C-alpha atoms as a PDB file:
ATOM      1  CA  MET A   1      22.178  -1.334  -6.638  1.00  0.00           C
ATOM      2  CA  CYS A   2      25.530  -0.546  -5.114  1.00  0.00           C
ATOM      3  CA  PRO A   3      26.237   2.062  -2.628  1.00  0.00           C
ATOM      4  CA  ALA A   4      27.597   5.376  -3.862  1.00  0.00           C
ATOM      5  CA  LYS A   5      31.349   5.555  -4.543  1.00  0.00           C
ATOM      6  CA  ILE A   6      33.191   7.419  -1.756  1.00  0.00           C
ATOM      7  CA  ILE A   7      35.213  10.574  -3.564  1.00  0.00           C
ATOM      8  CA  SER A   8      38.517  11.058  -2.976  1.00  0.00           C
ATOM      9  CA  GLY A   9      39.372  12.394   0.628  1.00  0.00           C
ATOM     10  CA  THR A  10      36.094  12.096   1.969  1.00  0.00           C
ATOM     11  CA  GLU A  11      35.310   8.996   4.441  1.00  0.00           C
ATOM     12  CA  ARG A  12      32.377   7.259   3.934  1.00  0.00           C
ATOM     13  CA  GLY A  13      29.091   7.989   7.148  1.00  0.00           C
ATOM     14  CA  TYR A  14      28.121   5.227   9.517  1.00  0.00           C
ATOM     15  CA  ILE A  15      25.261   3.027   8.443  1.00  0.00           C
ATOM     16  CA  ILE A  16      23.128   2.620  11.747  1.00  0.00           C
ATOM     17  CA  PRO A  17      20.590  -0.074  12.230  1.00  0.00           C
ATOM     18  CA  ILE A  18      18.312  -0.518  15.423  1.00  0.00           C
ATOM     19  CA  GLY A  19      15.712  -3.466  16.342  1.00  0.00           C
ATOM     20  CA  GLY A  20      13.161  -1.194  17.306  1.00  0.00           C
ATOM     21  CA  ALA A  21      11.775   0.048  20.467  1.00  0.00           C
ATOM     22  CA  GLU A  22      14.737   1.555  21.292  1.00  0.00           C
ATOM     23  CA  GLU A  23      14.893   3.267  24.418  1.00  0.00           C
ATOM     24  CA  LYS A  24      13.655   6.617  24.420  1.00  0.00           C
ATOM     25  CA  LEU A  25      13.252   8.431  27.991  1.00  0.00           C
ATOM     26  CA  LYS A  26      15.830   6.725  30.788  1.00  0.00           C
ATOM     27  CA  ASN A  27      18.915   4.808  28.979  1.00  0.00           C
ATOM     28  CA  ARG A  28      19.128   6.570  25.404  1.00  0.00           C
ATOM     29  CA  GLU A  29      22.114   5.061  24.739  1.00  0.00           C
ATOM     30  CA  ILE A  30      21.153   4.354  21.287  1.00  0.00           C
ATOM     31  CA  LEU A  31      19.775   7.886  19.998  1.00  0.00           C
ATOM     32  CA  ASP A  32      22.304   9.539  22.138  1.00  0.00           C
ATOM     33  CA  ARG A  33      25.435   7.876  20.076  1.00  0.00           C
ATOM     34  CA  PHE A  34      23.598   8.757  17.132  1.00  0.00           C
ATOM     35  CA  ILE A  35      22.951  12.465  17.721  1.00  0.00           C
ATOM     36  CA  ASP A  36      27.206  12.266  19.163  1.00  0.00           C
ATOM     37  CA  VAL A  37      28.592  10.610  16.097  1.00  0.00           C
ATOM     38  CA  CYS A  38      26.397  13.367  13.864  1.00  0.00           C
ATOM     39  CA  GLY A  39      27.494  16.308  16.085  1.00  0.00           C
ATOM     40  CA  GLY A  40      26.281  16.413  19.113  1.00  0.00           C
ATOM     41  CA  LYS A  41      24.126  20.112  19.672  1.00  0.00           C
ATOM     42  CA  LYS A  42      25.534  21.400  16.307  1.00  0.00           C
ATOM     43  CA  ALA A  43      23.814  18.526  14.741  1.00  0.00           C
ATOM     44  CA  ARG A  44      21.526  18.403  11.718  1.00  0.00           C
ATOM     45  CA  ILE A  45      19.076  15.684  11.422  1.00  0.00           C
ATOM     46  CA  GLY A  46      16.299  14.830   8.563  1.00  0.00           C
ATOM     47  CA  ILE A  47      13.826  12.646   9.891  1.00  0.00           C
ATOM     48  CA  ILE A  48      12.142  10.576   7.204  1.00  0.00           C
ATOM     49  CA  ALA A  49       8.748   9.168   8.928  1.00  0.00           C
ATOM     50  CA  THR A  50       7.461   7.457   5.578  1.00  0.00           C
ATOM     51  CA  ALA A  51       7.337   3.849   7.131  1.00  0.00           C
ATOM     52  CA  SER A  52       4.600   5.154   9.679  1.00  0.00           C
ATOM     53  CA  GLU A  53       1.168   5.819   9.202  1.00  0.00           C
ATOM     54  CA  LEU A  54       1.056   7.629  12.819  1.00  0.00           C
ATOM     55  CA  GLU A  55       0.661  11.220  11.749  1.00  0.00           C
ATOM     56  CA  ASP A  56       2.646  11.969  15.166  1.00  0.00           C
ATOM     57  CA  THR A  57       5.734  10.100  14.359  1.00  0.00           C
ATOM     58  CA  GLY A  58       8.043  12.310  13.122  1.00  0.00           C
ATOM     59  CA  ARG A  59       6.724  15.072  15.330  1.00  0.00           C
ATOM     60  CA  ASN A  60       7.352  12.587  18.461  1.00  0.00           C
ATOM     61  CA  TYR A  61      11.262  12.136  16.955  1.00  0.00           C
ATOM     62  CA  GLU A  62      11.688  15.527  16.191  1.00  0.00           C
ATOM     63  CA  LYS A  63      10.750  16.774  19.704  1.00  0.00           C
ATOM     64  CA  LEU A  64      13.071  13.979  21.120  1.00  0.00           C
ATOM     65  CA  PHE A  65      15.707  14.687  19.451  1.00  0.00           C
ATOM     66  CA  ARG A  66      15.655  18.867  20.574  1.00  0.00           C
ATOM     67  CA  ASP A  67      14.992  17.231  24.229  1.00  0.00           C
ATOM     68  CA  ILE A  68      18.505  15.303  24.023  1.00  0.00           C
ATOM     69  CA  GLY A  69      20.121  18.694  22.794  1.00  0.00           C
ATOM     70  CA  VAL A  70      20.063  18.871  18.974  1.00  0.00           C
ATOM     71  CA  ARG A  71      19.506  22.445  17.671  1.00  0.00           C
ATOM     72  CA  HIS A  72      18.427  21.328  14.306  1.00  0.00           C
ATOM     73  CA  ALA A  73      16.053  18.266  13.877  1.00  0.00           C
ATOM     74  CA  ARG A  74      13.239  18.392  10.793  1.00  0.00           C
ATOM     75  CA  VAL A  75      10.906  16.076   9.799  1.00  0.00           C
ATOM     76  CA  LEU A  76      10.847  15.759   6.178  1.00  0.00           C
ATOM     77  CA  GLN A  77       7.572  15.087   4.494  1.00  0.00           C
ATOM     78  CA  PHE A  78       8.082  12.453   1.958  1.00  0.00           C
ATOM     79  CA  LEU A  79       4.817  10.943   1.554  1.00  0.00           C
ATOM     80  CA  THR A  80       3.945  10.105  -2.256  1.00  0.00           C
ATOM     81  CA  ARG A  81       6.812   9.978  -4.928  1.00  0.00           C
ATOM     82  CA  ASP A  82       6.541  13.326  -5.881  1.00  0.00           C
ATOM     83  CA  ASP A  83       7.422  14.733  -2.745  1.00  0.00           C
ATOM     84  CA  CYS A  84      10.342  12.716  -2.868  1.00  0.00           C
ATOM     85  CA  GLN A  85      11.732  14.087  -6.420  1.00  0.00           C
ATOM     86  CA  LYS A  86      12.180  17.532  -5.579  1.00  0.00           C
ATOM     87  CA  GLY A  87      11.707  20.702  -3.328  1.00  0.00           C
ATOM     88  CA  PRO A  88      12.865  22.014   0.374  1.00  0.00           C
ATOM     89  CA  ASP A  89      12.526  18.878   1.684  1.00  0.00           C
ATOM     90  CA  VAL A  90      14.901  17.001  -0.526  1.00  0.00           C
ATOM     91  CA  ASP A  91      17.392  19.752  -0.420  1.00  0.00           C
ATOM     92  CA  TYR A  92      17.309  19.523   3.114  1.00  0.00           C
ATOM     93  CA  ILE A  93      19.038  16.427   3.051  1.00  0.00           C
ATOM     94  CA  GLY A  94      22.571  17.940   1.582  1.00  0.00           C
ATOM     95  CA  LYS A  95      22.544  19.845   4.466  1.00  0.00           C
ATOM     96  CA  CYS A  96      22.406  17.352   7.205  1.00  0.00           C
ATOM     97  CA  SER A  97      24.505  15.707   9.330  1.00  0.00           C
ATOM     98  CA  GLY A  98      21.971  12.817   9.797  1.00  0.00           C
ATOM     99  CA  ILE A  99      18.919  10.941   8.289  1.00  0.00           C
ATOM    100  CA  PHE A 100      16.684   9.192  10.815  1.00  0.00           C
ATOM    101  CA  MET A 101      13.890   6.935   9.421  1.00  0.00           C
ATOM    102  CA  THR A 102      11.570   5.563  11.959  1.00  0.00           C
ATOM    103  CA  GLY A 103       9.697   2.668  12.371  1.00  0.00           C
ATOM    104  CA  GLY A 104       6.595   1.100  10.552  1.00  0.00           C
ATOM    105  CA  ASN A 105       5.887  -0.509   7.255  1.00  0.00           C
ATOM    106  CA  GLN A 106       9.535  -1.061   5.088  1.00  0.00           C
ATOM    107  CA  LEU A 107       7.467  -1.201   1.947  1.00  0.00           C
ATOM    108  CA  ARG A 108       6.106   1.836   2.502  1.00  0.00           C
ATOM    109  CA  LEU A 109       9.595   3.044   2.403  1.00  0.00           C
ATOM    110  CA  SER A 110      11.051   1.111  -0.781  1.00  0.00           C
ATOM    111  CA  THR A 111       8.251   1.842  -2.496  1.00  0.00           C
ATOM    112  CA  THR A 112       7.699   5.726  -1.725  1.00  0.00           C
ATOM    113  CA  LEU A 113      11.521   6.339  -1.956  1.00  0.00           C
ATOM    114  CA  GLY A 114      12.835   3.606  -4.135  1.00  0.00           C
ATOM    115  CA  GLY A 115      14.913   5.320  -7.291  1.00  0.00           C
ATOM    116  CA  THR A 116      13.800   9.125  -6.480  1.00  0.00           C
ATOM    117  CA  THR A 117      15.702  11.807  -5.671  1.00  0.00           C
ATOM    118  CA  VAL A 118      16.000  11.159  -2.121  1.00  0.00           C
ATOM    119  CA  ALA A 119      16.983   7.888  -2.133  1.00  0.00           C
ATOM    120  CA  GLN A 120      19.885   8.587  -4.595  1.00  0.00           C
ATOM    121  CA  THR A 121      20.926  11.584  -2.426  1.00  0.00           C
ATOM    122  CA  ILE A 122      20.985   9.933   0.884  1.00  0.00           C
ATOM    123  CA  ARG A 123      23.146   7.018  -0.959  1.00  0.00           C
ATOM    124  CA  ARG A 124      25.336  10.070  -2.004  1.00  0.00           C
ATOM    125  CA  ARG A 125      25.358  11.856   1.417  1.00  0.00           C
ATOM    126  CA  ASN A 126      26.478   8.757   3.210  1.00  0.00           C
ATOM    127  CA  ALA A 127      29.534   8.008   0.866  1.00  0.00           C
ATOM    128  CA  GLU A 128      30.322  11.810   1.287  1.00  0.00           C
ATOM    129  CA  GLY A 129      30.170  11.390   5.351  1.00  0.00           C
ATOM    130  CA  MET A 130      26.441  11.891   6.625  1.00  0.00           C
ATOM    131  CA  HIS A 131      25.313   9.079   9.220  1.00  0.00           C
ATOM    132  CA  VAL A 132      22.393   7.237   8.194  1.00  0.00           C
ATOM    133  CA  ALA A 133      20.162   5.791  11.292  1.00  0.00           C
ATOM    134  CA  GLY A 134      17.006   3.995  10.798  1.00  0.00           C
ATOM    135  CA  THR A 135      14.714   2.004  13.374  1.00  0.00           C
ATOM    136  CA  SER A 136      12.581  -1.209  12.935  1.00  0.00           C
ATOM    137  CA  ALA A 137      11.127  -0.831   9.506  1.00  0.00           C
ATOM    138  CA  GLY A 138      14.191   1.598   8.657  1.00  0.00           C
ATOM    139  CA  ALA A 139      16.508  -0.594   9.833  1.00  0.00           C
ATOM    140  CA  ALA A 140      15.338  -3.426   7.132  1.00  0.00           C
ATOM    141  CA  PHE A 141      15.441  -0.871   4.312  1.00  0.00           C
ATOM    142  CA  MET A 142      18.922   0.537   4.767  1.00  0.00           C
ATOM    143  CA  PRO A 143      20.637  -2.471   2.585  1.00  0.00           C
ATOM    144  CA  GLU A 144      20.235  -3.722  -0.815  1.00  0.00           C
ATOM    145  CA  HIS A 145      18.791  -6.822  -0.529  1.00  0.00           C
ATOM    146  CA  MET A 146      15.504  -5.652   2.333  1.00  0.00           C
ATOM    147  CA  ILE A 147      13.896  -8.145   4.028  1.00  0.00           C
ATOM    148  CA  ALA A 148       9.710  -7.210   3.283  1.00  0.00           C
ATOM    149  CA  GLY A 149       8.259  -9.388   5.003  1.00  0.00           C
ATOM    150  CA  GLY A 150       7.913 -13.042   6.267  1.00  0.00           C
ATOM    151  CA  GLU A 151       6.898 -15.552   8.639  1.00  0.00           C
ATOM    152  CA  GLU A 152       8.154 -16.489  12.279  1.00  0.00           C
ATOM    153  CA  GLY A 153       9.954 -19.732  13.416  1.00  0.00           C
ATOM    154  CA  SER A 154      13.683 -21.214  13.614  1.00  0.00           C
ATOM    155  CA  THR A 155      13.865 -23.404  10.658  1.00  0.00           C
ATOM    156  CA  PRO A 156      14.385 -21.962   7.064  1.00  0.00           C
ATOM    157  CA  SER A 157      11.587 -22.465   4.109  1.00  0.00           C
ATOM    158  CA  PRO A 158      11.613 -21.307   0.889  1.00  0.00           C
ATOM    159  CA  ASP A 159       8.295 -19.511   1.508  1.00  0.00           C
ATOM    160  CA  LYS A 160       9.557 -17.982   4.965  1.00  0.00           C
ATOM    161  CA  VAL A 161      10.657 -14.321   3.607  1.00  0.00           C
ATOM    162  CA  THR A 162       9.793 -12.112   0.927  1.00  0.00           C
ATOM    163  CA  MET A 163      12.644  -9.877  -0.571  1.00  0.00           C
ATOM    164  CA  ALA A 164      12.429  -6.700  -2.253  1.00  0.00           C
ATOM    165  CA  PRO A 165      14.889  -3.868  -3.086  1.00  0.00           C
ATOM    166  CA  GLY A 166      16.257  -1.531  -0.236  1.00  0.00           C
ATOM    167  CA  LEU A 167      17.957   1.619  -0.191  1.00  0.00           C
ATOM    168  CA  GLY A 168      21.485   0.103  -1.081  1.00  0.00           C
ATOM    169  CA  LEU A 169      23.475   2.100   1.624  1.00  0.00           C
ATOM    170  CA  THR A 170      25.220  -1.664   1.611  1.00  0.00           C
ATOM    171  CA  ASN A 171      25.438  -5.166  -0.436  1.00  0.00           C
ATOM    172  CA  ALA A 172      27.568  -6.539   2.524  1.00  0.00           C
ATOM    173  CA  PHE A 173      24.577  -7.102   5.273  1.00  0.00           C
ATOM    174  CA  ILE A 174      20.589  -8.142   5.112  1.00  0.00           C
ATOM    175  CA  ILE A 175      19.145  -7.091   8.374  1.00  0.00           C
ATOM    176  CA  ASP A 176      16.180  -8.053  10.253  1.00  0.00           C
ATOM    177  CA  GLN A 177      14.840  -6.295  13.190  1.00  0.00           C
ATOM    178  CA  HIS A 178      12.743  -6.810  16.525  1.00  0.00           C
ATOM    179  CA  PHE A 179      14.927 -10.547  16.525  1.00  0.00           C
ATOM    180  CA  ARG A 180      14.663 -12.560  19.385  1.00  0.00           C
ATOM    181  CA  GLN A 181      11.010 -11.043  20.184  1.00  0.00           C
ATOM    182  CA  ARG A 182       9.690 -11.982  17.133  1.00  0.00           C
ATOM    183  CA  ASP A 183      11.615 -15.297  16.256  1.00  0.00           C
ATOM    184  CA  ARG A 184      12.495 -14.491  12.972  1.00  0.00           C
ATOM    185  CA  LEU A 185      16.061 -16.846  12.930  1.00  0.00           C
ATOM    186  CA  GLY A 186      14.510 -18.527  10.219  1.00  0.00           C
ATOM    187  CA  ARG A 187      13.336 -15.604   8.003  1.00  0.00           C
ATOM    188  CA  LEU A 188      17.099 -14.159   8.041  1.00  0.00           C
ATOM    189  CA  LEU A 189      18.781 -17.713   7.624  1.00  0.00           C
ATOM    190  CA  THR A 190      16.163 -17.943   4.447  1.00  0.00           C
ATOM    191  CA  ALA A 191      17.489 -14.681   2.961  1.00  0.00           C
ATOM    192  CA  LEU A 192      20.949 -15.475   3.437  1.00  0.00           C
ATOM    193  CA  ALA A 193      20.330 -19.248   1.582  1.00  0.00           C
ATOM    194  CA  TYR A 194      19.062 -17.208  -1.669  1.00  0.00           C
ATOM    195  CA  ASN A 195      21.859 -14.703  -1.019  1.00  0.00           C
ATOM    196  CA  PRO A 196      24.499 -16.459   0.475  1.00  0.00           C
ATOM    197  CA  PHE A 197      26.900 -13.136  -0.387  1.00  0.00           C
ATOM    198  CA  ALA A 198      25.740 -11.174   2.667  1.00  0.00           C
ATOM    199  CA  VAL A 199      26.350 -11.091   6.212  1.00  0.00           C
ATOM    200  CA  GLY A 200      22.812 -11.484   8.110  1.00  0.00           C
ATOM    201  CA  ILE A 201      22.277  -8.886  10.824  1.00  0.00           C
ATOM    202  CA  GLY A 202      19.529  -9.922  13.482  1.00  0.00           C
ATOM    203  CA  LEU A 203      18.913  -7.391  16.012  1.00  0.00           C
ATOM    204  CA  ASP A 204      17.419  -7.429  18.958  1.00  0.00           C
ATOM    205  CA  GLU A 205      15.184  -4.502  20.115  1.00  0.00           C
ATOM    206  CA  ASP A 206      16.673  -1.362  21.847  1.00  0.00           C
ATOM    207  CA  THR A 207      19.485  -2.997  20.286  1.00  0.00           C
ATOM    208  CA  ALA A 208      22.028  -1.130  17.375  1.00  0.00           C
ATOM    209  CA  ALA A 209      25.047  -2.042  14.937  1.00  0.00           C
ATOM    210  CA  PHE A 210      26.992   1.324  14.561  1.00  0.00           C
ATOM    211  CA  ILE A 211      28.374   0.314  11.428  1.00  0.00           C
ATOM    212  CA  ARG A 212      31.775   1.983  10.268  1.00  0.00           C
ATOM    213  CA  PRO A 213      33.381   2.800   7.441  1.00  0.00           C
ATOM    214  CA  GLY A 214      34.979  -0.295   6.421  1.00  0.00           C
ATOM    215  CA  ASP A 215      32.308  -2.342   7.610  1.00  0.00           C
ATOM    216  CA  ASP A 216      33.266  -2.802  11.115  1.00  0.00           C
ATOM    217  CA  VAL A 217      30.086  -3.468  13.282  1.00  0.00           C
ATOM    218  CA  GLU A 218      29.835  -2.742  16.828  1.00  0.00           C
ATOM    219  CA  VAL A 219      26.969  -3.466  19.140  1.00  0.00           C
ATOM    220  CA  VAL A 220      25.127  -0.736  21.272  1.00  0.00           C
ATOM    221  CA  GLY A 221      22.593  -1.294  23.320  1.00  0.00           C
ATOM    222  CA  SER A 222      20.563  -3.623  25.744  1.00  0.00           C
ATOM    223  CA  GLY A 223      19.716  -6.882  23.614  1.00  0.00           C
ATOM    224  CA  GLY A 224      22.085  -8.648  21.445  1.00  0.00           C
ATOM    225  CA  ILE A 225      22.872  -8.733  17.988  1.00  0.00           C
ATOM    226  CA  THR A 226      22.434 -12.400  15.925  1.00  0.00           C
ATOM    227  CA  VAL A 227      25.560 -12.436  13.302  1.00  0.00           C
ATOM    228  CA  ILE A 228      24.986 -15.194  10.761  1.00  0.00           C
ATOM    229  CA  ASP A 229      28.139 -16.033   8.221  1.00  0.00           C
ATOM    230  CA  PRO A 230      27.716 -17.760   5.517  1.00  0.00           C
ATOM    231  CA  THR A 231      31.378 -17.401   4.048  1.00  0.00           C
ATOM    232  CA  ASP A 232      31.691 -21.165   4.966  1.00  0.00           C
ATOM    233  CA  LEU A 233      28.418 -22.768   3.262  1.00  0.00           C
ATOM    234  CA  SER A 234      29.195 -25.884   2.090  1.00  0.00           C
ATOM    235  CA  TYR A 235      26.016 -27.153   1.197  1.00  0.00           C
ATOM    236  CA  SER A 236      21.982 -25.947   0.857  1.00  0.00           C
ATOM    237  CA  SER A 237      18.997 -27.573  -0.403  1.00  0.00           C
ATOM    238  CA  MET A 238      17.358 -24.375  -1.222  1.00  0.00           C
ATOM    239  CA  ASP A 239      17.111 -25.409  -4.939  1.00  0.00           C
ATOM    240  CA  ARG A 240      15.203 -28.385  -4.376  1.00  0.00           C
ATOM    241  CA  ALA A 241      13.027 -27.544  -1.347  1.00  0.00           C
ATOM    242  CA  ARG A 242       9.239 -27.082  -1.543  1.00  0.00           C
ATOM    243  CA  ARG A 243       7.064 -24.876  -0.352  1.00  0.00           C
ATOM    244  CA  GLY A 244       6.859 -25.200   3.379  1.00  0.00           C
ATOM    245  CA  GLU A 245       9.651 -27.801   3.567  1.00  0.00           C
ATOM    246  CA  PRO A 246      12.697 -27.003   5.836  1.00  0.00           C
ATOM    247  CA  VAL A 247      15.993 -26.255   4.053  1.00  0.00           C
ATOM    248  CA  SER A 248      19.265 -27.619   4.972  1.00  0.00           C
ATOM    249  CA  LEU A 249      22.028 -25.548   5.898  1.00  0.00           C
ATOM    250  CA  ILE A 250      25.518 -26.789   6.629  1.00  0.00           C
ATOM    251  CA  GLY A 251      28.718 -24.975   7.300  1.00  0.00           C
ATOM    252  CA  ILE A 252      27.181 -21.307   8.323  1.00  0.00           C
ATOM    253  CA  LYS A 253      28.790 -19.289  11.527  1.00  0.00           C
ATOM    254  CA  LEU A 254      26.495 -17.832  13.882  1.00  0.00           C
ATOM    255  CA  HIS A 255      27.900 -15.157  16.507  1.00  0.00           C
ATOM    256  CA  ILE A 256      25.511 -13.664  19.145  1.00  0.00           C
ATOM    257  CA  LEU A 257      27.276 -10.524  20.070  1.00  0.00           C
ATOM    258  CA  VAL A 258      25.821  -7.874  23.158  1.00  0.00           C
ATOM    259  CA  ALA A 259      27.343  -4.492  24.019  1.00  0.00           C
ATOM    260  CA  GLY A 260      30.752  -3.693  22.833  1.00  0.00           C
ATOM    261  CA  GLY A 261      31.038  -6.562  20.843  1.00  0.00           C
ATOM    262  CA  HIS A 262      32.600  -6.203  17.319  1.00  0.00           C
ATOM    263  CA  PHE A 263      32.260  -7.861  13.963  1.00  0.00           C
ATOM    264  CA  ASN A 264      34.465  -7.089  10.786  1.00  0.00           C
ATOM    265  CA  ILE A 265      33.065  -7.758   7.462  1.00  0.00           C
ATOM    266  CA  SER A 266      36.863  -7.614   6.112  1.00  0.00           C
ATOM    267  CA  THR A 267      37.871 -10.654   8.238  1.00  0.00           C
ATOM    268  CA  ARG A 268      34.598 -12.312   9.104  1.00  0.00           C
ATOM    269  CA  GLU A 269      36.155 -11.958  12.665  1.00  0.00           C
ATOM    270  CA  ALA A 270      33.856 -11.001  15.914  1.00  0.00           C
ATOM    271  CA  HIS A 271      35.208  -9.982  18.956  1.00  0.00           C
ATOM    272  CA  ALA A 272      33.033 -10.094  21.983  1.00  0.00           C
ATOM    273  CA  GLU A 273      32.559  -7.091  24.617  1.00  0.00           C
ATOM    274  CA  GLN A 274      36.112  -6.481  26.894  1.00  0.00           C
ATOM    275  CA  GLY A 275      35.284  -7.515  30.202  1.00  0.00           C
ATOM    276  CA  PRO A 276      36.630  -6.056  33.573  1.00  0.00           C
ATOM    277  CA  GLN A 277      40.203  -6.106  33.641  1.00  0.00           C
END
């Protein structure tokens, strides 16, 4: 599943995966930046809370965005696959400048939205310039290859990760969240061992990757992003490792980037934040 094609004369919107637990009260840098790129007070935000089993998750974000100053923020009720095929909430996506997907369980997103009109419309609208953000489960769901679950730990192993199809906004990245807090290096390395054409992005909590059109990644937030680049992978024992056995990977490059840092998917170059002049 590839991202929708860009129509001549338009520019693809931002893709903004967030590592979860983003600051919502004092220093809302990530959410403020998301609203800013979506048009500020004139933004029209559609909130998808399908991943959450809590009834008030969507309404809490709706209130939060309105407190920030957004005039139009609306929870989109996509609870079943039928909800995702037609109706006023599906049509509303066509009017949005931004979509925000909440946390919860990414399999609820993939099994409810996957292959529906909603998923197709979000991909098409992103290609037309609509920005898409997701926190925690919403972040994991964004790429073509989604991490659905896995085990904690730093060492890759064949059964360390479970993969499933994602939304397909990008096929350049595989995204993991709550990364440092939940010790998820091993499962992201395992996902990349299975899919070494992609770049891994491990997002700490209260940290976001603002992926610009052209796949330039900028780090925003209080934590760090672990970028794992398998371009120069020269050896992998994944093909012969058994369940529970460690996997050898040689030649992988790893970067740790904090606020203001950048990674360019085309050149595979990382740049640190600008220090004091």
